[in-house]
Amino acid sequence: MDEFRQLRADIREEIGMDAYSRYTHERYAITELVLRLLEEVVIMEFIRGFFDFETLGRNVRERVQSFSSDFLRDPKLVSLDISKDVNVALRTAPYPDAAKVDAGHKRLVSFLVGYGMHEEIAEAHATIIESSILSSMRKSQ
């Protein structure tokens, strides 16, 4: 059982129809896979600055580092499933101080804007998503 299933569901619910921001003329193109990948990349964008990815191993670090850029380039082509890696990252990342939370928030907003959301919408989503991620991290540690 995925201990972070509820976090992913909360993120999907929060983003809602804005998951289609990137697909202004081809809304039919977003698939279940793209929605699942969006959940993963949103989590990783927020927490990636909380710890050194060497902790997770070189292979995981390399996969996660390229994941966001690949997703932004063409989310339909990304097929890398990093759910287990994301779960490990959520479990092992030290709970962040305020500066790291702020940096994570900015990374998350930047990603959502790059994905196609207006900055105000991205900011609102990032605030809620940040709270959900931090709550999940607190519960798992």
N, C-alpha and C. Protein backbone atom coordinates (compact mmCIF):
# COMPACT_ATOMS: atom_id res chain seq x y z
N MET A 1 0.84 -1.20 0.00
CA MET A 1 0.00 0.00 0.00
C MET A 1 0.88 1.25 0.00
N ASP A 2 0.49 2.22 -0.77
CA ASP A 2 1.24 3.46 -0.89
C ASP A 2 0.89 4.39 0.26
N GLU A 3 1.86 4.60 1.14
CA GLU A 3 1.59 5.43 2.31
C GLU A 3 1.32 6.89 1.96
N PHE A 4 1.66 7.30 0.75
CA PHE A 4 1.46 8.69 0.33
C PHE A 4 0.35 8.81 -0.71
N ARG A 5 -0.52 7.83 -0.78
CA ARG A 5 -1.64 7.84 -1.74
C ARG A 5 -2.53 9.06 -1.50
N GLN A 6 -2.83 9.34 -0.24
CA GLN A 6 -3.70 10.48 0.06
C GLN A 6 -3.06 11.80 -0.36
N LEU A 7 -1.75 11.92 -0.17
CA LEU A 7 -1.05 13.14 -0.60
C LEU A 7 -1.23 13.33 -2.10
N ARG A 8 -1.03 12.28 -2.86
CA ARG A 8 -1.18 12.38 -4.31
C ARG A 8 -2.62 12.74 -4.70
N ALA A 9 -3.58 12.15 -4.02
CA ALA A 9 -4.99 12.47 -4.28
C ALA A 9 -5.28 13.93 -3.95
N ASP A 10 -4.71 14.41 -2.85
CA ASP A 10 -4.90 15.82 -2.46
C ASP A 10 -4.32 16.76 -3.51
N ILE A 11 -3.15 16.41 -4.02
CA ILE A 11 -2.51 17.24 -5.05
C ILE A 11 -3.35 17.26 -6.31
N ARG A 12 -3.82 16.09 -6.73
CA ARG A 12 -4.64 16.03 -7.94
C ARG A 12 -5.92 16.85 -7.76
N GLU A 13 -6.54 16.74 -6.61
CA GLU A 13 -7.76 17.51 -6.34
C GLU A 13 -7.47 19.00 -6.33
N GLU A 14 -6.36 19.39 -5.73
CA GLU A 14 -6.00 20.81 -5.66
C GLU A 14 -5.75 21.39 -7.04
N ILE A 15 -5.02 20.69 -7.86
CA ILE A 15 -4.71 21.21 -9.20
C ILE A 15 -5.95 21.18 -10.08
N GLY A 16 -6.75 20.15 -9.93
CA GLY A 16 -8.03 20.07 -10.66
C GLY A 16 -7.89 20.33 -12.14
N MET A 17 -8.77 21.16 -12.66
CA MET A 17 -8.81 21.46 -14.09
C MET A 17 -7.56 22.21 -14.56
N ASP A 18 -6.82 22.80 -13.66
CA ASP A 18 -5.60 23.50 -14.06
C ASP A 18 -4.52 22.53 -14.55
N ALA A 19 -4.74 21.23 -14.36
CA ALA A 19 -3.83 20.24 -14.95
C ALA A 19 -3.84 20.35 -16.46
N TYR A 20 -4.89 20.95 -17.01
CA TYR A 20 -5.01 21.11 -18.45
C TYR A 20 -4.39 22.41 -18.95
N SER A 21 -3.76 23.17 -18.08
CA SER A 21 -3.18 24.46 -18.47
C SER A 21 -2.28 24.37 -19.68
N ARG A 22 -1.54 23.32 -19.78
CA ARG A 22 -0.59 23.13 -20.86
C ARG A 22 -1.29 22.77 -22.18
N TYR A 23 -2.50 22.32 -22.09
CA TYR A 23 -3.21 21.77 -23.23
C TYR A 23 -4.33 22.68 -23.71
N THR A 24 -4.03 23.89 -24.06
CA THR A 24 -5.07 24.85 -24.43
C THR A 24 -5.83 24.44 -25.68
N HIS A 25 -5.18 23.76 -26.61
CA HIS A 25 -5.85 23.39 -27.85
C HIS A 25 -6.01 21.89 -28.01
N GLU A 26 -5.54 21.14 -27.05
CA GLU A 26 -5.60 19.68 -27.17
C GLU A 26 -5.92 19.03 -25.84
N ARG A 27 -6.97 19.49 -25.21
CA ARG A 27 -7.31 18.98 -23.88
C ARG A 27 -7.50 17.48 -23.86
N TYR A 28 -7.89 16.92 -24.96
CA TYR A 28 -8.06 15.47 -25.04
C TYR A 28 -6.74 14.73 -24.85
N ALA A 29 -5.60 15.43 -25.02
CA ALA A 29 -4.30 14.77 -25.02
C ALA A 29 -3.81 14.40 -23.62
N ILE A 30 -4.37 14.97 -22.58
CA ILE A 30 -3.89 14.65 -21.24
C ILE A 30 -4.47 13.29 -20.83
N THR A 31 -3.59 12.46 -20.37
CA THR A 31 -3.99 11.09 -20.02
C THR A 31 -3.84 10.88 -18.52
N GLU A 32 -4.33 9.75 -18.06
CA GLU A 32 -4.17 9.38 -16.65
C GLU A 32 -2.70 9.35 -16.27
N LEU A 33 -1.85 8.84 -17.18
CA LEU A 33 -0.41 8.79 -16.92
C LEU A 33 0.15 10.18 -16.70
N VAL A 34 -0.25 11.14 -17.52
CA VAL A 34 0.24 12.51 -17.37
C VAL A 34 -0.19 13.08 -16.03
N LEU A 35 -1.42 12.81 -15.61
CA LEU A 35 -1.88 13.31 -14.31
C LEU A 35 -1.07 12.69 -13.18
N ARG A 36 -0.79 11.39 -13.26
CA ARG A 36 0.03 10.75 -12.22
C ARG A 36 1.44 11.31 -12.20
N LEU A 37 2.01 11.52 -13.36
CA LEU A 37 3.36 12.08 -13.43
C LEU A 37 3.38 13.51 -12.88
N LEU A 38 2.34 14.26 -13.15
CA LEU A 38 2.25 15.63 -12.63
C LEU A 38 2.26 15.61 -11.10
N GLU A 39 1.57 14.68 -10.50
CA GLU A 39 1.58 14.56 -9.03
C GLU A 39 3.01 14.33 -8.53
N GLU A 40 3.72 13.42 -9.19
CA GLU A 40 5.08 13.08 -8.76
C GLU A 40 6.03 14.26 -8.91
N VAL A 41 5.97 14.92 -10.06
CA VAL A 41 6.91 16.00 -10.31
C VAL A 41 6.64 17.19 -9.38
N VAL A 42 5.39 17.43 -9.05
CA VAL A 42 5.05 18.51 -8.13
C VAL A 42 5.68 18.24 -6.75
N ILE A 43 5.58 17.02 -6.29
CA ILE A 43 6.19 16.66 -5.00
C ILE A 43 7.69 16.86 -5.05
N MET A 44 8.32 16.34 -6.11
CA MET A 44 9.78 16.42 -6.19
C MET A 44 10.27 17.84 -6.36
N GLU A 45 9.54 18.66 -7.09
CA GLU A 45 9.95 20.06 -7.24
C GLU A 45 9.97 20.76 -5.88
N PHE A 46 9.02 20.43 -5.03
CA PHE A 46 8.97 21.07 -3.72
C PHE A 46 10.06 20.56 -2.79
N ILE A 47 10.31 19.25 -2.75
CA ILE A 47 11.21 18.71 -1.72
C ILE A 47 12.65 18.53 -2.16
N ARG A 48 12.97 18.71 -3.44
CA ARG A 48 14.31 18.36 -3.90
C ARG A 48 15.43 19.16 -3.24
N GLY A 49 15.16 20.28 -2.69
CA GLY A 49 16.19 21.06 -2.02
C GLY A 49 16.33 20.76 -0.54
N PHE A 50 15.55 19.82 -0.02
CA PHE A 50 15.55 19.55 1.40
C PHE A 50 16.71 18.68 1.85
N PHE A 51 17.32 17.96 0.93
CA PHE A 51 18.42 17.07 1.30
C PHE A 51 19.26 16.77 0.08
N ASP A 52 20.40 16.21 0.31
CA ASP A 52 21.33 15.83 -0.74
C ASP A 52 20.86 14.51 -1.35
N PHE A 53 20.67 14.50 -2.65
CA PHE A 53 20.17 13.30 -3.30
C PHE A 53 21.17 12.15 -3.27
N GLU A 54 22.41 12.40 -2.85
CA GLU A 54 23.36 11.31 -2.68
C GLU A 54 22.82 10.32 -1.64
N THR A 55 22.02 10.84 -0.72
CA THR A 55 21.41 10.00 0.30
C THR A 55 20.58 8.88 -0.33
N LEU A 56 19.92 9.21 -1.44
CA LEU A 56 19.07 8.24 -2.11
C LEU A 56 19.84 7.39 -3.12
N GLY A 57 21.06 7.76 -3.40
CA GLY A 57 21.84 7.03 -4.39
C GLY A 57 21.92 7.77 -5.72
N ARG A 58 22.98 7.55 -6.42
CA ARG A 58 23.25 8.26 -7.66
C ARG A 58 22.16 8.02 -8.72
N ASN A 59 21.72 6.80 -8.88
CA ASN A 59 20.73 6.48 -9.90
C ASN A 59 19.44 7.24 -9.67
N VAL A 60 18.96 7.25 -8.44
CA VAL A 60 17.72 7.98 -8.13
C VAL A 60 17.92 9.47 -8.37
N ARG A 61 19.05 10.00 -7.93
CA ARG A 61 19.31 11.43 -8.10
C ARG A 61 19.26 11.81 -9.58
N GLU A 62 19.91 11.03 -10.43
CA GLU A 62 19.93 11.33 -11.86
C GLU A 62 18.53 11.24 -12.47
N ARG A 63 17.76 10.26 -12.06
CA ARG A 63 16.40 10.11 -12.58
C ARG A 63 15.54 11.30 -12.17
N VAL A 64 15.64 11.70 -10.93
CA VAL A 64 14.81 12.79 -10.43
C VAL A 64 15.23 14.12 -11.04
N GLN A 65 16.52 14.35 -11.20
CA GLN A 65 17.00 15.62 -11.75
C GLN A 65 16.51 15.84 -13.17
N SER A 66 16.42 14.81 -13.96
CA SER A 66 15.98 14.98 -15.34
C SER A 66 14.46 14.92 -15.49
N PHE A 67 13.78 14.44 -14.46
CA PHE A 67 12.35 14.20 -14.56
C PHE A 67 11.56 15.47 -14.86
N SER A 68 11.79 16.54 -14.12
CA SER A 68 11.02 17.77 -14.30
C SER A 68 11.23 18.37 -15.68
N SER A 69 12.48 18.44 -16.11
CA SER A 69 12.74 19.04 -17.41
C SER A 69 12.15 18.19 -18.53
N ASP A 70 12.23 16.87 -18.42
CA ASP A 70 11.62 16.00 -19.41
C ASP A 70 10.11 16.19 -19.44
N PHE A 71 9.52 16.30 -18.26
CA PHE A 71 8.07 16.46 -18.16
C PHE A 71 7.63 17.78 -18.79
N LEU A 72 8.38 18.85 -18.54
CA LEU A 72 8.01 20.14 -19.13
C LEU A 72 8.18 20.14 -20.64
N ARG A 73 9.19 19.44 -21.12
CA ARG A 73 9.43 19.37 -22.56
C ARG A 73 8.28 18.67 -23.27
N ASP A 74 7.87 17.54 -22.76
CA ASP A 74 6.77 16.80 -23.38
C ASP A 74 6.22 15.78 -22.39
N PRO A 75 5.22 16.17 -21.61
CA PRO A 75 4.69 15.26 -20.59
C PRO A 75 4.09 13.99 -21.17
N LYS A 76 3.70 14.00 -22.43
CA LYS A 76 3.12 12.80 -23.02
C LYS A 76 4.18 11.72 -23.25
N LEU A 77 5.45 12.13 -23.33
CA LEU A 77 6.50 11.16 -23.64
C LEU A 77 7.20 10.61 -22.40
N VAL A 78 6.94 11.19 -21.27
CA VAL A 78 7.60 10.73 -20.06
C VAL A 78 6.90 9.48 -19.57
N SER A 79 7.65 8.41 -19.42
CA SER A 79 7.05 7.17 -18.94
C SER A 79 7.76 6.65 -17.71
N LEU A 80 8.68 7.42 -17.19
CA LEU A 80 9.44 7.02 -16.02
C LEU A 80 8.54 7.04 -14.79
N ASP A 81 8.45 5.91 -14.13
CA ASP A 81 7.65 5.85 -12.91
C ASP A 81 8.59 5.99 -11.73
N ILE A 82 8.48 7.11 -11.05
CA ILE A 82 9.37 7.35 -9.91
C ILE A 82 8.60 7.36 -8.59
N SER A 83 7.42 6.78 -8.56
CA SER A 83 6.61 6.80 -7.35
C SER A 83 7.35 6.25 -6.14
N LYS A 84 8.03 5.13 -6.30
CA LYS A 84 8.77 4.55 -5.17
C LYS A 84 9.89 5.48 -4.73
N ASP A 85 10.58 6.10 -5.70
CA ASP A 85 11.65 7.04 -5.36
C ASP A 85 11.09 8.26 -4.63
N VAL A 86 9.94 8.73 -5.07
CA VAL A 86 9.30 9.87 -4.41
C VAL A 86 8.93 9.50 -2.98
N ASN A 87 8.41 8.30 -2.78
CA ASN A 87 8.06 7.86 -1.43
C ASN A 87 9.29 7.81 -0.53
N VAL A 88 10.39 7.27 -1.05
CA VAL A 88 11.63 7.22 -0.27
C VAL A 88 12.08 8.64 0.06
N ALA A 89 12.01 9.53 -0.92
CA ALA A 89 12.41 10.92 -0.69
C ALA A 89 11.54 11.57 0.39
N LEU A 90 10.25 11.34 0.33
CA LEU A 90 9.36 11.92 1.34
C LEU A 90 9.65 11.37 2.73
N ARG A 91 9.96 10.08 2.81
CA ARG A 91 10.26 9.46 4.11
C ARG A 91 11.60 9.89 4.68
N THR A 92 12.60 10.09 3.82
CA THR A 92 13.96 10.33 4.31
C THR A 92 14.37 11.79 4.36
N ALA A 93 13.65 12.66 3.68
CA ALA A 93 14.02 14.08 3.70
C ALA A 93 13.83 14.63 5.11
N PRO A 94 14.85 15.32 5.63
CA PRO A 94 14.65 15.95 6.94
C PRO A 94 13.58 17.04 6.84
N TYR A 95 12.84 17.19 7.91
CA TYR A 95 11.80 18.22 7.89
C TYR A 95 12.49 19.58 7.69
N PRO A 96 12.05 20.35 6.71
CA PRO A 96 12.77 21.58 6.33
C PRO A 96 12.55 22.75 7.27
N ASP A 97 13.55 23.63 7.30
CA ASP A 97 13.39 24.89 8.02
C ASP A 97 12.64 25.87 7.11
N ALA A 98 12.34 27.04 7.62
CA ALA A 98 11.54 28.02 6.89
C ALA A 98 12.19 28.43 5.57
N ALA A 99 13.51 28.57 5.55
CA ALA A 99 14.20 28.98 4.32
C ALA A 99 14.06 27.91 3.24
N LYS A 100 14.16 26.65 3.62
CA LYS A 100 14.02 25.58 2.63
C LYS A 100 12.58 25.45 2.15
N VAL A 101 11.63 25.69 3.03
CA VAL A 101 10.23 25.67 2.63
C VAL A 101 9.98 26.78 1.62
N ASP A 102 10.51 27.97 1.89
CA ASP A 102 10.34 29.10 0.98
C ASP A 102 10.96 28.80 -0.39
N ALA A 103 12.16 28.23 -0.38
CA ALA A 103 12.83 27.87 -1.64
C ALA A 103 12.02 26.81 -2.39
N GLY A 104 11.50 25.81 -1.66
CA GLY A 104 10.67 24.78 -2.28
C GLY A 104 9.40 25.37 -2.87
N HIS A 105 8.82 26.30 -2.17
CA HIS A 105 7.61 26.96 -2.66
C HIS A 105 7.90 27.69 -3.97
N LYS A 106 9.02 28.39 -4.01
CA LYS A 106 9.38 29.13 -5.23
C LYS A 106 9.64 28.17 -6.40
N ARG A 107 10.31 27.04 -6.13
CA ARG A 107 10.54 26.05 -7.18
C ARG A 107 9.21 25.50 -7.71
N LEU A 108 8.30 25.24 -6.78
CA LEU A 108 7.00 24.70 -7.15
C LEU A 108 6.22 25.70 -8.00
N VAL A 109 6.19 26.95 -7.60
CA VAL A 109 5.50 27.99 -8.38
C VAL A 109 6.13 28.10 -9.77
N SER A 110 7.45 28.12 -9.80
CA SER A 110 8.16 28.22 -11.08
C SER A 110 7.81 27.05 -12.00
N PHE A 111 7.76 25.85 -11.43
CA PHE A 111 7.39 24.69 -12.25
C PHE A 111 5.98 24.84 -12.79
N LEU A 112 5.02 25.20 -11.93
CA LEU A 112 3.63 25.32 -12.35
C LEU A 112 3.45 26.40 -13.42
N VAL A 113 4.18 27.50 -13.28
CA VAL A 113 4.13 28.55 -14.31
C VAL A 113 4.72 28.01 -15.61
N GLY A 114 5.85 27.31 -15.51
CA GLY A 114 6.45 26.71 -16.69
C GLY A 114 5.54 25.68 -17.34
N TYR A 115 4.72 25.06 -16.55
CA TYR A 115 3.76 24.07 -17.03
C TYR A 115 2.62 24.73 -17.81
N GLY A 116 2.39 26.02 -17.54
CA GLY A 116 1.37 26.74 -18.29
C GLY A 116 0.34 27.48 -17.45
N MET A 117 0.46 27.42 -16.13
CA MET A 117 -0.50 28.11 -15.27
C MET A 117 -0.12 29.58 -15.13
N HIS A 118 -1.14 30.41 -14.94
CA HIS A 118 -0.88 31.82 -14.63
C HIS A 118 -0.24 31.89 -13.25
N GLU A 119 0.59 32.88 -13.04
CA GLU A 119 1.36 32.95 -11.80
C GLU A 119 0.48 32.99 -10.55
N GLU A 120 -0.62 33.72 -10.60
CA GLU A 120 -1.49 33.80 -9.43
C GLU A 120 -2.11 32.44 -9.10
N ILE A 121 -2.51 31.72 -10.13
CA ILE A 121 -3.09 30.40 -9.93
C ILE A 121 -2.03 29.44 -9.41
N ALA A 122 -0.84 29.51 -10.00
CA ALA A 122 0.27 28.65 -9.56
C ALA A 122 0.62 28.93 -8.10
N GLU A 123 0.62 30.17 -7.72
CA GLU A 123 0.93 30.56 -6.33
C GLU A 123 -0.11 29.98 -5.37
N ALA A 124 -1.37 30.09 -5.74
CA ALA A 124 -2.44 29.56 -4.87
C ALA A 124 -2.33 28.04 -4.73
N HIS A 125 -2.12 27.35 -5.84
CA HIS A 125 -1.96 25.89 -5.79
C HIS A 125 -0.73 25.52 -4.97
N ALA A 126 0.37 26.22 -5.18
CA ALA A 126 1.62 25.89 -4.48
C ALA A 126 1.45 26.00 -2.97
N THR A 127 0.72 26.98 -2.51
CA THR A 127 0.51 27.16 -1.07
C THR A 127 -0.22 25.96 -0.47
N ILE A 128 -1.26 25.50 -1.14
CA ILE A 128 -2.03 24.35 -0.65
C ILE A 128 -1.21 23.07 -0.75
N ILE A 129 -0.54 22.88 -1.88
CA ILE A 129 0.27 21.68 -2.09
C ILE A 129 1.41 21.62 -1.07
N GLU A 130 2.04 22.75 -0.83
CA GLU A 130 3.11 22.83 0.18
C GLU A 130 2.60 22.34 1.53
N SER A 131 1.45 22.80 1.93
CA SER A 131 0.87 22.40 3.21
C SER A 131 0.62 20.89 3.25
N SER A 132 0.10 20.35 2.16
CA SER A 132 -0.18 18.90 2.10
C SER A 132 1.11 18.09 2.18
N ILE A 133 2.13 18.51 1.46
CA ILE A 133 3.40 17.78 1.47
C ILE A 133 4.03 17.82 2.85
N LEU A 134 4.07 18.99 3.45
CA LEU A 134 4.67 19.12 4.79
C LEU A 134 3.91 18.29 5.81
N SER A 135 2.60 18.27 5.71
CA SER A 135 1.78 17.46 6.62
C SER A 135 2.11 15.98 6.45
N SER A 136 2.21 15.52 5.21
CA SER A 136 2.55 14.11 4.94
C SER A 136 3.94 13.77 5.45
N MET A 137 4.88 14.69 5.26
CA MET A 137 6.24 14.45 5.75
C MET A 137 6.25 14.33 7.25
N ARG A 138 5.51 15.20 7.91
CA ARG A 138 5.46 15.18 9.38
C ARG A 138 4.90 13.86 9.88
N LYS A 139 3.86 13.37 9.23
CA LYS A 139 3.22 12.11 9.64
C LYS A 139 4.14 10.91 9.42
N SER A 140 4.98 10.96 8.39
CA SER A 140 5.80 9.78 8.05
C SER A 140 7.10 9.72 8.84
N GLN A 141 7.44 10.78 9.55
CA GLN A 141 8.72 10.78 10.27
C GLN A 141 8.57 10.51 11.73
